[in-house]
Amino acid sequence: MTNPKSKIQKHKWNNWLLLLAVVVLSVTPLILIKDAEFGGADSQAEEAIKEIQPQYQPWFNSLIELPSGEVESLLFAVQAAAGAGVIGYVIGLYKGRSEQQNSRNENSD
C-alpha cells in the first residue's frame, strides 16, 4: 500500500510547480517585450476590419457606454473573479465527490 503522507507531499510539489509555471508564463512577456502595448483584442479587430474594409459599419452598438476605462477594467475583473469562483466550485465539488466515493470504497472493503 502507498504511504498517504508521501502522496500528499507529491501533490504539494505539483501545486508549487504549477504556481511557478503560471508566474513564469505571466511575467515572461513583460520582460521580453519591453515597450509593447497590451491592448484588447476588440480594438485590434476593429483596426484590422477598417483596414480591410474601410466602409464597414458595425451591426450593433454597445448597450451601455461606460464612463471610463477604469470602470471597464473593474467589470472585467469582476467577471474574471466570478468565472474563477464557478470553476473553483466545480473543481471542489468533483474532488469532494471523488474523495467521498473513495472513502465509501475503503469502508466497504
N, C-alpha and C. Protein backbone atom coordinates (compact mmCIF):
# COMPACT_ATOMS: atom_id res chain seq x y z
N MET A 1 0.84 -1.18 0.00
CA MET A 1 0.00 0.00 0.00
C MET A 1 0.89 1.26 0.00
N THR A 2 0.42 2.34 -0.60
CA THR A 2 1.22 3.56 -0.67
C THR A 2 1.06 4.36 0.60
N ASN A 3 2.09 5.08 0.91
CA ASN A 3 2.09 5.93 2.10
C ASN A 3 1.29 7.19 1.80
N PRO A 4 0.20 7.48 2.56
CA PRO A 4 -0.61 8.68 2.26
C PRO A 4 0.16 9.97 2.44
N LYS A 5 1.14 9.98 3.35
CA LYS A 5 1.90 11.20 3.58
C LYS A 5 2.76 11.55 2.36
N SER A 6 3.38 10.55 1.74
CA SER A 6 4.20 10.82 0.56
C SER A 6 3.32 11.28 -0.60
N LYS A 7 2.08 10.77 -0.66
CA LYS A 7 1.15 11.19 -1.70
C LYS A 7 0.79 12.66 -1.54
N ILE A 8 0.59 13.08 -0.29
CA ILE A 8 0.26 14.49 -0.02
C ILE A 8 1.45 15.38 -0.37
N GLN A 9 2.66 14.93 -0.01
CA GLN A 9 3.85 15.73 -0.34
C GLN A 9 4.03 15.85 -1.84
N LYS A 10 3.72 14.79 -2.58
CA LYS A 10 3.82 14.84 -4.03
C LYS A 10 2.84 15.86 -4.60
N HIS A 11 1.62 15.91 -4.06
CA HIS A 11 0.63 16.88 -4.52
C HIS A 11 1.07 18.30 -4.21
N LYS A 12 1.72 18.50 -3.05
CA LYS A 12 2.20 19.84 -2.71
C LYS A 12 3.24 20.30 -3.72
N TRP A 13 4.15 19.41 -4.11
CA TRP A 13 5.16 19.76 -5.11
C TRP A 13 4.51 20.09 -6.44
N ASN A 14 3.51 19.30 -6.82
CA ASN A 14 2.81 19.56 -8.07
C ASN A 14 2.15 20.93 -8.05
N ASN A 15 1.53 21.29 -6.93
CA ASN A 15 0.88 22.59 -6.81
C ASN A 15 1.90 23.73 -6.92
N TRP A 16 3.06 23.57 -6.26
CA TRP A 16 4.08 24.62 -6.33
C TRP A 16 4.66 24.74 -7.74
N LEU A 17 4.83 23.62 -8.41
CA LEU A 17 5.34 23.66 -9.78
C LEU A 17 4.34 24.32 -10.72
N LEU A 18 3.05 24.04 -10.54
CA LEU A 18 2.02 24.69 -11.35
C LEU A 18 1.99 26.20 -11.09
N LEU A 19 2.10 26.59 -9.83
CA LEU A 19 2.11 28.01 -9.50
C LEU A 19 3.32 28.70 -10.11
N LEU A 20 4.47 28.06 -10.04
CA LEU A 20 5.68 28.62 -10.65
C LEU A 20 5.51 28.76 -12.16
N ALA A 21 4.91 27.76 -12.81
CA ALA A 21 4.68 27.83 -14.25
C ALA A 21 3.76 28.99 -14.61
N VAL A 22 2.73 29.22 -13.82
CA VAL A 22 1.81 30.34 -14.07
C VAL A 22 2.54 31.67 -13.94
N VAL A 23 3.35 31.80 -12.91
CA VAL A 23 4.10 33.05 -12.71
C VAL A 23 5.07 33.28 -13.87
N VAL A 24 5.78 32.24 -14.27
CA VAL A 24 6.74 32.37 -15.38
C VAL A 24 6.02 32.76 -16.67
N LEU A 25 4.89 32.10 -16.95
CA LEU A 25 4.14 32.43 -18.16
C LEU A 25 3.56 33.84 -18.11
N SER A 26 3.25 34.34 -16.95
CA SER A 26 2.70 35.69 -16.83
C SER A 26 3.76 36.77 -16.94
N VAL A 27 4.92 36.52 -16.39
CA VAL A 27 5.96 37.54 -16.33
C VAL A 27 6.83 37.57 -17.59
N THR A 28 7.01 36.44 -18.25
CA THR A 28 7.89 36.36 -19.42
C THR A 28 7.55 37.39 -20.50
N PRO A 29 6.30 37.56 -20.92
CA PRO A 29 6.02 38.57 -21.94
C PRO A 29 6.37 39.99 -21.49
N LEU A 30 6.20 40.27 -20.21
CA LEU A 30 6.52 41.61 -19.71
C LEU A 30 8.01 41.87 -19.76
N ILE A 31 8.81 40.85 -19.57
CA ILE A 31 10.27 41.01 -19.59
C ILE A 31 10.80 41.03 -21.03
N LEU A 32 10.30 40.13 -21.86
CA LEU A 32 10.84 40.00 -23.22
C LEU A 32 10.41 41.14 -24.15
N ILE A 33 9.20 41.63 -23.99
CA ILE A 33 8.68 42.67 -24.88
C ILE A 33 8.50 43.93 -24.04
N LYS A 34 9.55 44.75 -23.99
CA LYS A 34 9.58 45.86 -23.04
C LYS A 34 8.57 46.98 -23.34
N ASP A 35 8.53 47.49 -24.56
CA ASP A 35 7.69 48.65 -24.85
C ASP A 35 6.43 48.27 -25.63
N ALA A 36 5.89 47.11 -25.35
CA ALA A 36 4.71 46.65 -26.09
C ALA A 36 3.45 47.26 -25.50
N GLU A 37 2.48 47.46 -26.37
CA GLU A 37 1.15 47.89 -25.93
C GLU A 37 0.29 46.65 -25.81
N PHE A 38 -0.19 46.40 -24.61
CA PHE A 38 -1.04 45.24 -24.39
C PHE A 38 -2.49 45.69 -24.48
N GLY A 39 -2.95 45.93 -25.69
CA GLY A 39 -4.33 46.37 -25.91
C GLY A 39 -5.27 45.19 -26.02
N GLY A 40 -6.53 45.50 -26.00
CA GLY A 40 -7.53 44.45 -26.10
C GLY A 40 -7.70 43.95 -27.52
N ALA A 41 -8.25 42.78 -27.63
CA ALA A 41 -8.46 42.16 -28.94
C ALA A 41 -9.56 42.89 -29.71
N ASP A 42 -10.50 43.50 -29.00
CA ASP A 42 -11.59 44.21 -29.67
C ASP A 42 -11.06 45.36 -30.53
N SER A 43 -10.18 46.16 -29.96
CA SER A 43 -9.65 47.30 -30.72
C SER A 43 -8.76 46.83 -31.86
N GLN A 44 -8.00 45.76 -31.67
CA GLN A 44 -7.17 45.23 -32.75
C GLN A 44 -8.03 44.69 -33.88
N ALA A 45 -9.12 44.03 -33.54
CA ALA A 45 -10.02 43.51 -34.57
C ALA A 45 -10.67 44.65 -35.34
N GLU A 46 -11.07 45.69 -34.62
CA GLU A 46 -11.71 46.84 -35.28
C GLU A 46 -10.74 47.51 -36.25
N GLU A 47 -9.49 47.65 -35.85
CA GLU A 47 -8.49 48.24 -36.74
C GLU A 47 -8.26 47.37 -37.98
N ALA A 48 -8.19 46.06 -37.77
CA ALA A 48 -7.97 45.15 -38.90
C ALA A 48 -9.14 45.18 -39.88
N ILE A 49 -10.35 45.24 -39.36
CA ILE A 49 -11.54 45.29 -40.24
C ILE A 49 -11.56 46.59 -41.02
N LYS A 50 -11.26 47.71 -40.36
CA LYS A 50 -11.26 49.00 -41.06
C LYS A 50 -10.17 49.06 -42.13
N GLU A 51 -9.08 48.35 -41.89
CA GLU A 51 -8.00 48.32 -42.88
C GLU A 51 -8.43 47.50 -44.10
N ILE A 52 -9.12 46.40 -43.87
CA ILE A 52 -9.55 45.53 -44.97
C ILE A 52 -10.76 46.12 -45.70
N GLN A 53 -11.72 46.60 -44.92
CA GLN A 53 -12.99 47.10 -45.48
C GLN A 53 -13.30 48.46 -44.84
N PRO A 54 -12.79 49.57 -45.39
CA PRO A 54 -12.94 50.89 -44.76
C PRO A 54 -14.40 51.35 -44.59
N GLN A 55 -15.32 50.92 -45.45
CA GLN A 55 -16.70 51.38 -45.34
C GLN A 55 -17.56 50.50 -44.43
N TYR A 56 -16.95 49.55 -43.72
CA TYR A 56 -17.70 48.65 -42.85
C TYR A 56 -18.37 49.43 -41.72
N GLN A 57 -19.62 49.11 -41.47
CA GLN A 57 -20.37 49.67 -40.34
C GLN A 57 -20.78 48.53 -39.42
N PRO A 58 -20.53 48.64 -38.12
CA PRO A 58 -20.92 47.57 -37.20
C PRO A 58 -22.44 47.35 -37.21
N TRP A 59 -22.86 46.14 -37.01
CA TRP A 59 -24.29 45.82 -36.99
C TRP A 59 -24.94 46.28 -35.70
N PHE A 60 -24.20 46.26 -34.61
CA PHE A 60 -24.75 46.59 -33.29
C PHE A 60 -23.86 47.62 -32.61
N ASN A 61 -24.45 48.38 -31.72
CA ASN A 61 -23.71 49.29 -30.85
C ASN A 61 -23.75 48.76 -29.43
N SER A 62 -22.87 49.27 -28.60
CA SER A 62 -22.85 48.86 -27.20
C SER A 62 -24.17 49.22 -26.53
N LEU A 63 -24.61 48.34 -25.62
CA LEU A 63 -25.85 48.62 -24.90
C LEU A 63 -25.67 49.77 -23.92
N ILE A 64 -24.52 49.81 -23.27
CA ILE A 64 -24.21 50.90 -22.34
C ILE A 64 -22.81 51.42 -22.63
N GLU A 65 -22.67 52.71 -22.51
CA GLU A 65 -21.35 53.32 -22.65
C GLU A 65 -20.79 53.52 -21.24
N LEU A 66 -19.66 52.91 -20.99
CA LEU A 66 -19.05 53.02 -19.67
C LEU A 66 -18.35 54.37 -19.55
N PRO A 67 -18.40 54.96 -18.36
CA PRO A 67 -17.83 56.30 -18.20
C PRO A 67 -16.32 56.38 -18.36
N SER A 68 -15.60 55.30 -18.03
CA SER A 68 -14.13 55.37 -18.15
C SER A 68 -13.55 53.97 -18.32
N GLY A 69 -12.27 53.95 -18.64
CA GLY A 69 -11.57 52.68 -18.79
C GLY A 69 -11.43 51.94 -17.48
N GLU A 70 -11.38 52.70 -16.37
CA GLU A 70 -11.27 52.06 -15.06
C GLU A 70 -12.51 51.24 -14.74
N VAL A 71 -13.69 51.77 -15.09
CA VAL A 71 -14.93 51.04 -14.85
C VAL A 71 -14.96 49.78 -15.71
N GLU A 72 -14.50 49.90 -16.94
CA GLU A 72 -14.43 48.74 -17.82
C GLU A 72 -13.50 47.69 -17.24
N SER A 73 -12.35 48.11 -16.72
CA SER A 73 -11.41 47.18 -16.10
C SER A 73 -12.01 46.53 -14.86
N LEU A 74 -12.74 47.32 -14.08
CA LEU A 74 -13.40 46.78 -12.89
C LEU A 74 -14.41 45.70 -13.27
N LEU A 75 -15.24 45.97 -14.26
CA LEU A 75 -16.23 44.99 -14.68
C LEU A 75 -15.56 43.73 -15.24
N PHE A 76 -14.47 43.91 -15.95
CA PHE A 76 -13.73 42.75 -16.46
C PHE A 76 -13.17 41.93 -15.30
N ALA A 77 -12.63 42.60 -14.28
CA ALA A 77 -12.08 41.88 -13.13
C ALA A 77 -13.18 41.14 -12.36
N VAL A 78 -14.35 41.77 -12.22
CA VAL A 78 -15.47 41.12 -11.55
C VAL A 78 -15.91 39.88 -12.34
N GLN A 79 -15.97 40.01 -13.65
CA GLN A 79 -16.34 38.88 -14.50
C GLN A 79 -15.31 37.76 -14.36
N ALA A 80 -14.03 38.09 -14.35
CA ALA A 80 -12.99 37.08 -14.20
C ALA A 80 -13.07 36.41 -12.84
N ALA A 81 -13.33 37.18 -11.79
CA ALA A 81 -13.45 36.61 -10.45
C ALA A 81 -14.65 35.68 -10.35
N ALA A 82 -15.76 36.08 -10.94
CA ALA A 82 -16.95 35.22 -10.93
C ALA A 82 -16.68 33.92 -11.68
N GLY A 83 -16.03 34.01 -12.82
CA GLY A 83 -15.69 32.81 -13.57
C GLY A 83 -14.74 31.90 -12.80
N ALA A 84 -13.75 32.50 -12.14
CA ALA A 84 -12.82 31.70 -11.34
C ALA A 84 -13.54 31.05 -10.16
N GLY A 85 -14.50 31.76 -9.58
CA GLY A 85 -15.28 31.19 -8.49
C GLY A 85 -16.09 29.99 -8.94
N VAL A 86 -16.72 30.10 -10.09
CA VAL A 86 -17.52 28.99 -10.62
C VAL A 86 -16.61 27.80 -10.93
N ILE A 87 -15.48 28.05 -11.57
CA ILE A 87 -14.56 26.96 -11.89
C ILE A 87 -14.04 26.31 -10.61
N GLY A 88 -13.67 27.12 -9.62
CA GLY A 88 -13.20 26.57 -8.34
C GLY A 88 -14.26 25.76 -7.64
N TYR A 89 -15.50 26.22 -7.68
CA TYR A 89 -16.59 25.48 -7.06
C TYR A 89 -16.78 24.12 -7.73
N VAL A 90 -16.77 24.10 -9.05
CA VAL A 90 -16.97 22.84 -9.78
C VAL A 90 -15.82 21.87 -9.51
N ILE A 91 -14.60 22.38 -9.51
CA ILE A 91 -13.45 21.51 -9.21
C ILE A 91 -13.57 20.95 -7.80
N GLY A 92 -13.90 21.80 -6.83
CA GLY A 92 -14.07 21.34 -5.46
C GLY A 92 -15.21 20.34 -5.32
N LEU A 93 -16.29 20.58 -6.04
CA LEU A 93 -17.43 19.67 -6.00
C LEU A 93 -17.03 18.28 -6.49
N TYR A 94 -16.35 18.22 -7.63
CA TYR A 94 -15.95 16.93 -8.18
C TYR A 94 -14.88 16.26 -7.32
N LYS A 95 -13.97 17.04 -6.76
CA LYS A 95 -12.95 16.47 -5.87
C LYS A 95 -13.61 15.91 -4.62
N GLY A 96 -14.56 16.63 -4.05
CA GLY A 96 -15.28 16.14 -2.88
C GLY A 96 -16.04 14.86 -3.17
N ARG A 97 -16.68 14.81 -4.31
CA ARG A 97 -17.41 13.59 -4.69
C ARG A 97 -16.44 12.42 -4.86
N SER A 98 -15.29 12.69 -5.46
CA SER A 98 -14.30 11.64 -5.67
C SER A 98 -13.78 11.12 -4.33
N GLU A 99 -13.47 12.03 -3.41
CA GLU A 99 -12.99 11.62 -2.09
C GLU A 99 -14.06 10.85 -1.33
N GLN A 100 -15.30 11.29 -1.45
CA GLN A 100 -16.40 10.60 -0.79
C GLN A 100 -16.55 9.19 -1.35
N GLN A 101 -16.44 9.05 -2.65
CA GLN A 101 -16.53 7.74 -3.29
C GLN A 101 -15.38 6.85 -2.84
N ASN A 102 -14.18 7.42 -2.74
CA ASN A 102 -13.01 6.64 -2.29
C ASN A 102 -13.19 6.18 -0.85
N SER A 103 -13.70 7.05 0.00
CA SER A 103 -13.90 6.65 1.40
C SER A 103 -14.99 5.58 1.51
N ARG A 104 -16.00 5.65 0.69
CA ARG A 104 -17.02 4.59 0.68
C ARG A 104 -16.41 3.26 0.26
N ASN A 105 -15.56 3.31 -0.78
CA ASN A 105 -14.92 2.08 -1.25
C ASN A 105 -13.99 1.49 -0.19
N GLU A 106 -13.26 2.33 0.55
CA GLU A 106 -12.38 1.85 1.61
C GLU A 106 -13.18 1.25 2.76
N ASN A 107 -14.32 1.86 3.09
CA ASN A 107 -15.15 1.35 4.18
C ASN A 107 -15.83 0.04 3.82
N SER A 108 -16.11 -0.15 2.55
CA SER A 108 -16.78 -1.39 2.13
C SER A 108 -15.83 -2.56 2.05
N ASP A 109 -14.50 -2.28 1.99
CA ASP A 109 -13.52 -3.38 1.90
C ASP A 109 -13.31 -4.05 3.21
